[in-house]
Each structure stands twice: as structure tokens, then as C-alpha cells.
Amino acid sequence: MKQWYESLFENYAKKYDKECYVQGTSGECDFIEEELNFNKNLKIIDIGCGPGRHSIELSKRGYKVTGIDLSKSQLAAAKEKARQLNLKTDFKRLDVRKLPFRNEFNAALMLCEGGFPLMETDEMNFTILKNATRALKNNGKFISTTLNGLFPLYHSVKNFCESSSKEGNKVYKINTFDLMTFRDRTVHTFEDDSGNKKELKCDERYYIPSEITWLLNSLGFKKIEIFGAKLGAFSRKDKLTPEDFEMLIVAEK
């Protein structure tokens, strides 16, 4: 049986590119470049790359990027974009829970919930973090965004998603945030790229900063910093607050 995140992305590449939360690619890559000191000799892995927005933008800027994703249709869209731009971005269909890389990359990106924290158990989410860490060389950098557990303590996730959504985007019909598990269970309605109307029961895990810090510490990261994640404008100046829907994580192995 397919999980909700597999069903969502099996035919959703074109519609995904129109979602409001994926419109900040260029500014986010500006931040990534600064964090990597503009060193274009570094090898980057983009985990949960989807249709390749960060992978392709960084490739255009001269970086060596490997993008991985579980979805065939998302990867097909990414490869087609790269082909049209004559880019040599390396896209692979891999499950990050079974990632084969060991000490191969200087930087690992996991942006816009690229796998973590979509899994159905906390153990699976931790496996994703563990495998991303293994893929990094010593002194490698991990740059990620994930759902901010402070946000739903003060705000309605449903109201936030509805206010930021545009016509044609996914619609959040129901959501129930569980304070005991920090999981938000929602029902999404949407149309796929073929115009088929679908409804999915989704389950996403929110994390508080101390949890992320503990998890990454346990994996051996020497320096862990967490900021607020502003769409298209990542910055070390943005202190994380309960107003931020996502948090930005920068960690060094």
C-alpha cells in the first residue's frame, strides 16, 4: 500500500511547481551559496529534490549536484528541465531511508520537507537524518528546513495553510494537531497533473528546536544552528519564533 507522500507525488510535478511554498528558490540558493563560501568544487546532495528546483538552480550556478527523490514523475520533470537547460545535474531515484552513500558529499540539502518529517514513524524520520549524515564527508554541512513545532502551539495550521494558498493549490479540509505526538493529521484535496481530483489523508511530524538539536548531536554534528525560515529569504539574522511555520537548520559534521 502506498503511503500518502508517494500517492501525492506520483503525478504532481507541474502542479507542485505552482504551489506557493516553492516560489523562493533563487533567494534560498543565494543563502546556500554563502554557506558554502561560493566554493564550486564542493559536491552537493539534494535529498527529496522533487522536480529539481534547488538542484537545477545550483547547477546553473556551477555547482556539482546530485538530486535524489522517491517519485518517478518528479524526477522525470527534473531531468527534462535539466535537459532543456543543457545541465549535467545527476538525478537518481533513491529512497533516503536506504541511501547508499558514505562520506561522499561536502553538503547535504533537505529543503521543503524533503522526506523528513513526512514519514509515518519517528524512527523512519531519524533514519533519514542518519543516512543524510553518513552521506557527508567530515566537516560537511547539512542545510535543512523542517516544520516548526512552536508554530502550532500558538496558531492554527489549517488557517495558515488556507491563507497562504492560491487557487489551484492543495486544499486543507481537516487538520488535527496532536500535542502528545506533535503530528498534524490532515485531509488534502487536489488535482493532479492529469486533472484527476484526489483526496489524501496526510500525517506530518512537527519538531521543536531542542529535539532537532538532540537528534543532530546524537549523530555527531559539532555545530548546530537553528533560524526562522523565511520563504525565498533564508538568513542567519532571523531568530526562530512561534511565528515561523518552518525552521532553518544549519549543522556542521
Protein backbone atom coordinates (compact mmCIF):
# COMPACT_ATOMS: atom_id res chain seq x y z
CA MET A 1 0.00 0.00 0.00
CA LYS A 2 1.34 3.41 -0.99
CA GLN A 3 1.92 6.00 1.70
CA TRP A 4 0.30 9.42 1.28
CA TYR A 5 3.52 11.13 0.20
CA GLU A 6 4.01 8.53 -2.54
CA SER A 7 0.44 8.99 -3.79
CA LEU A 8 0.72 12.79 -3.72
CA PHE A 9 3.85 12.96 -5.84
CA GLU A 10 3.11 10.20 -8.37
CA ASN A 11 1.65 12.71 -10.87
CA TYR A 12 2.06 16.17 -9.39
CA ALA A 13 5.25 17.74 -10.79
CA LYS A 14 3.63 20.54 -12.82
CA LYS A 15 1.12 21.44 -10.11
CA TYR A 16 3.84 21.23 -7.45
CA ASP A 17 5.86 23.89 -9.26
CA LYS A 18 2.88 26.26 -8.86
CA GLU A 19 2.47 25.74 -5.09
CA CYS A 20 3.05 28.94 -3.09
CA TYR A 21 5.69 27.38 -0.86
CA VAL A 22 8.12 26.57 -3.70
CA GLN A 23 8.46 30.06 -5.13
CA GLY A 24 11.58 31.16 -3.25
CA THR A 25 14.22 29.05 -4.97
CA SER A 26 16.62 31.75 -6.13
CA GLY A 27 16.84 33.50 -2.76
CA GLU A 28 17.24 30.19 -0.94
CA CYS A 29 20.11 29.24 -3.24
CA ASP A 30 21.74 32.61 -2.50
CA PHE A 31 21.87 31.57 1.15
CA ILE A 32 23.21 28.10 0.29
CA GLU A 33 25.98 29.62 -1.80
CA GLU A 34 27.03 31.87 1.07
CA GLU A 35 27.06 28.93 3.48
CA LEU A 36 29.33 27.04 1.07
CA ASN A 37 31.62 30.06 0.64
CA PHE A 38 30.86 30.01 -3.10
CA ASN A 39 33.19 27.00 -3.49
CA LYS A 40 32.05 25.35 -6.71
CA ASN A 41 34.37 22.39 -6.23
CA LEU A 42 32.12 21.04 -3.48
CA LYS A 43 29.82 18.07 -4.11
CA ILE A 44 26.20 18.61 -3.05
CA ILE A 45 23.41 16.10 -2.50
CA ASP A 46 19.84 17.43 -2.67
CA ILE A 47 17.66 14.97 -0.73
CA GLY A 48 13.99 14.93 -1.69
CA CYS A 49 14.80 17.12 -4.69
CA GLY A 50 11.31 16.84 -6.19
CA PRO A 51 11.21 18.42 -9.67
CA GLY A 52 14.72 19.70 -9.06
CA ARG A 53 14.27 23.35 -8.25
CA HIS A 54 17.30 23.73 -5.93
CA SER A 55 19.40 21.15 -7.78
CA ILE A 56 18.89 22.87 -11.11
CA GLU A 57 19.38 26.40 -9.78
CA LEU A 58 22.65 25.42 -8.12
CA SER A 59 23.76 23.54 -11.25
CA LYS A 60 23.10 26.70 -13.27
CA ARG A 61 25.42 28.49 -10.87
CA GLY A 62 28.18 25.97 -11.49
CA TYR A 63 27.86 23.51 -8.60
CA LYS A 64 28.11 19.72 -8.82
CA VAL A 65 24.74 18.45 -7.60
CA THR A 66 23.19 15.03 -7.17
CA GLY A 67 19.42 15.19 -6.68
CA ILE A 68 17.58 12.20 -5.24
CA ASP A 69 13.89 11.52 -4.86
CA LEU A 70 11.46 8.64 -4.50
CA SER A 71 9.00 9.89 -7.12
CA LYS A 72 9.45 8.81 -10.75
CA SER A 73 7.30 11.65 -12.07
CA GLN A 74 9.09 14.33 -10.05
CA LEU A 75 12.46 13.06 -11.26
CA ALA A 76 11.25 12.89 -14.85
CA ALA A 77 10.26 16.56 -14.61
CA ALA A 78 13.63 17.43 -13.07
CA LYS A 79 15.57 15.59 -15.79
CA GLU A 80 13.56 17.29 -18.52
CA LYS A 81 14.25 20.74 -17.06
CA ALA A 82 17.96 19.94 -16.84
CA ARG A 83 17.98 18.67 -20.43
CA GLN A 84 16.34 21.83 -21.72
CA LEU A 85 18.96 23.92 -19.91
CA ASN A 86 21.81 21.65 -21.06
CA LEU A 87 22.79 20.94 -17.46
CA LYS A 88 24.55 17.81 -16.21
CA THR A 89 22.70 17.57 -12.90
CA ASP A 90 22.78 13.97 -11.67
CA PHE A 91 19.29 12.81 -10.73
CA LYS A 92 18.77 9.40 -9.12
CA ARG A 93 15.67 7.56 -7.90
CA LEU A 94 16.58 6.53 -4.36
CA ASP A 95 14.82 6.06 -1.05
CA VAL A 96 16.64 8.15 1.55
CA ARG A 97 15.80 5.52 4.15
CA LYS A 98 18.15 3.21 2.20
CA LEU A 99 20.68 5.75 0.98
CA PRO A 100 23.88 4.04 -0.26
CA PHE A 101 26.31 6.97 0.03
CA ARG A 102 29.12 7.10 2.61
CA ASN A 103 31.35 10.16 3.11
CA GLU A 104 30.82 11.35 -0.47
CA PHE A 105 29.39 14.87 -0.25
CA ASN A 106 30.53 18.20 1.14
CA ALA A 107 26.97 19.43 1.66
CA ALA A 108 23.57 17.81 2.09
CA LEU A 109 20.39 19.76 1.42
CA MET A 110 16.97 18.66 2.66
CA LEU A 111 14.63 21.55 1.97
CA CYS A 112 10.87 21.98 1.98
CA GLU A 113 10.34 18.73 3.94
CA GLY A 114 12.43 16.65 1.54
CA GLY A 115 11.48 13.31 3.10
CA PHE A 116 11.97 14.32 6.72
CA PRO A 117 9.47 14.82 8.51
CA LEU A 118 6.88 13.12 6.30
CA MET A 119 7.46 9.57 7.44
CA GLU A 120 4.88 7.61 9.41
CA THR A 121 7.15 6.98 12.41
CA ASP A 122 9.77 8.98 14.29
CA GLU A 123 12.19 6.09 13.75
CA MET A 124 11.90 6.48 9.98
CA ASN A 125 12.47 10.22 10.26
CA PHE A 126 15.59 9.57 12.33
CA THR A 127 16.83 7.06 9.74
CA ILE A 128 16.59 9.80 7.11
CA LEU A 129 18.72 12.12 9.24
CA LYS A 130 21.19 9.31 9.92
CA ASN A 131 21.59 8.47 6.23
CA ALA A 132 21.97 12.13 5.25
CA THR A 133 24.73 12.37 7.87
CA ARG A 134 26.50 9.27 6.54
CA ALA A 135 26.49 10.74 3.03
CA LEU A 136 28.51 13.73 4.29
CA LYS A 137 32.27 13.95 4.46
CA ASN A 138 33.91 15.10 7.69
CA ASN A 139 33.36 18.86 8.11
CA GLY A 140 30.44 18.59 5.71
CA LYS A 141 27.47 20.92 6.07
CA PHE A 142 23.81 19.98 6.47
CA ILE A 143 21.24 22.60 5.44
CA SER A 144 17.59 21.76 6.01
CA THR A 145 14.15 23.16 6.65
CA THR A 146 11.50 21.37 8.64
CA LEU A 147 8.16 22.05 10.31
CA ASN A 148 8.47 24.24 13.40
CA GLY A 149 6.79 22.64 16.40
CA LEU A 150 6.49 26.01 18.11
CA PHE A 151 4.07 27.27 15.44
CA PRO A 152 1.04 25.04 16.14
CA LEU A 153 1.28 25.80 19.86
CA TYR A 154 0.19 29.34 19.03
CA HIS A 155 -1.57 29.11 15.66
CA SER A 156 -3.96 27.02 13.58
CA VAL A 157 -2.05 25.14 10.90
CA LYS A 158 -5.23 24.88 8.82
CA ASN A 159 -5.81 28.65 8.89
CA PHE A 160 -2.19 29.33 7.97
CA CYS A 161 -2.24 26.94 5.01
CA GLU A 162 -5.55 28.31 3.75
CA SER A 163 -4.36 31.93 4.00
CA SER A 164 -1.16 31.27 2.05
CA SER A 165 -2.68 29.00 -0.61
CA LYS A 166 -3.72 30.16 -4.07
CA GLU A 167 -6.36 28.90 -6.48
CA GLY A 168 -5.33 25.55 -7.90
CA ASN A 169 -3.14 24.63 -4.91
CA LYS A 170 -3.91 21.83 -2.47
CA VAL A 171 -6.84 22.49 -0.14
CA TYR A 172 -6.67 21.54 3.55
CA LYS A 173 -10.12 20.24 4.53
CA ILE A 174 -9.40 18.92 8.02
CA ASN A 175 -6.47 19.06 10.36
CA THR A 176 -5.92 17.80 13.88
CA PHE A 177 -2.69 18.64 15.68
CA ASP A 178 -1.84 16.12 18.40
CA LEU A 179 0.09 17.65 21.30
CA MET A 180 1.19 14.23 22.55
CA THR A 181 2.95 13.27 19.30
CA PHE A 182 3.40 16.66 17.59
CA ARG A 183 1.82 15.17 14.49
CA ASP A 184 -0.62 17.04 12.30
CA ARG A 185 -3.10 14.79 10.53
CA THR A 186 -4.77 16.49 7.59
CA VAL A 187 -7.02 15.74 4.65
CA HIS A 188 -5.81 17.35 1.40
CA THR A 189 -7.89 17.68 -1.75
CA PHE A 190 -6.12 18.48 -5.01
CA GLU A 191 -6.00 17.87 -8.74
CA ASP A 192 -3.04 16.00 -10.20
CA ASP A 193 -1.31 16.96 -13.45
CA SER A 194 -3.90 15.00 -15.45
CA GLY A 195 -6.80 16.85 -13.84
CA ASN A 196 -7.86 13.95 -11.63
CA LYS A 197 -9.35 15.05 -8.32
CA LYS A 198 -7.85 13.29 -5.32
CA GLU A 199 -8.17 13.28 -1.55
CA LEU A 200 -5.36 12.20 0.75
CA LYS A 201 -5.05 11.64 4.47
CA CYS A 202 -1.68 13.08 5.41
CA ASP A 203 0.43 12.81 8.55
CA GLU A 204 3.35 15.19 9.20
CA ARG A 205 5.62 15.46 12.23
CA TYR A 206 6.47 18.86 13.72
CA TYR A 207 9.71 19.19 15.69
CA ILE A 208 10.74 21.64 18.37
CA PRO A 209 14.27 23.08 18.21
CA SER A 210 15.60 21.12 21.18
CA GLU A 211 14.54 17.84 19.53
CA ILE A 212 16.40 18.70 16.32
CA THR A 213 19.46 19.74 18.30
CA TRP A 214 19.42 16.48 20.28
CA LEU A 215 18.95 14.33 17.17
CA LEU A 216 21.81 16.00 15.30
CA ASN A 217 24.05 15.96 18.36
CA SER A 218 23.47 12.22 18.64
CA LEU A 219 24.63 11.86 15.02
CA GLY A 220 27.89 13.64 15.74
CA PHE A 221 27.34 17.13 14.39
CA LYS A 222 29.76 19.55 16.03
CA LYS A 223 27.85 22.77 15.42
CA ILE A 224 24.08 23.10 15.13
CA GLU A 225 22.28 26.39 14.48
CA ILE A 226 18.56 26.96 14.00
CA PHE A 227 16.88 30.01 12.48
CA GLY A 228 13.50 31.09 11.23
CA ALA A 229 12.90 30.04 7.61
CA LYS A 230 11.50 32.86 5.51
CA LEU A 231 10.33 31.77 2.06
CA GLY A 232 12.95 32.75 -0.50
CA ALA A 233 14.95 34.73 2.03
CA PHE A 234 16.87 32.40 4.33
CA SER A 235 19.04 34.40 6.71
CA ARG A 236 21.13 33.89 9.81
CA LYS A 237 19.62 37.13 11.10
CA ASP A 238 16.15 35.58 11.55
CA LYS A 239 15.76 34.24 15.07
CA LEU A 240 13.31 31.35 15.24
CA THR A 241 9.97 32.34 16.79
CA PRO A 242 6.49 30.76 17.09
CA GLU A 243 5.54 32.89 14.04
CA ASP A 244 7.75 30.80 11.76
CA PHE A 245 5.97 27.88 10.09
CA GLU A 246 9.33 26.30 9.26
CA MET A 247 12.73 26.33 10.89
CA LEU A 248 16.05 26.54 9.06
CA ILE A 249 18.79 24.22 10.27
CA VAL A 250 22.50 24.64 9.52
CA ALA A 251 24.79 22.00 11.01
CA GLU A 252 28.43 21.07 10.55
CA LYS A 253 29.65 17.48 10.85
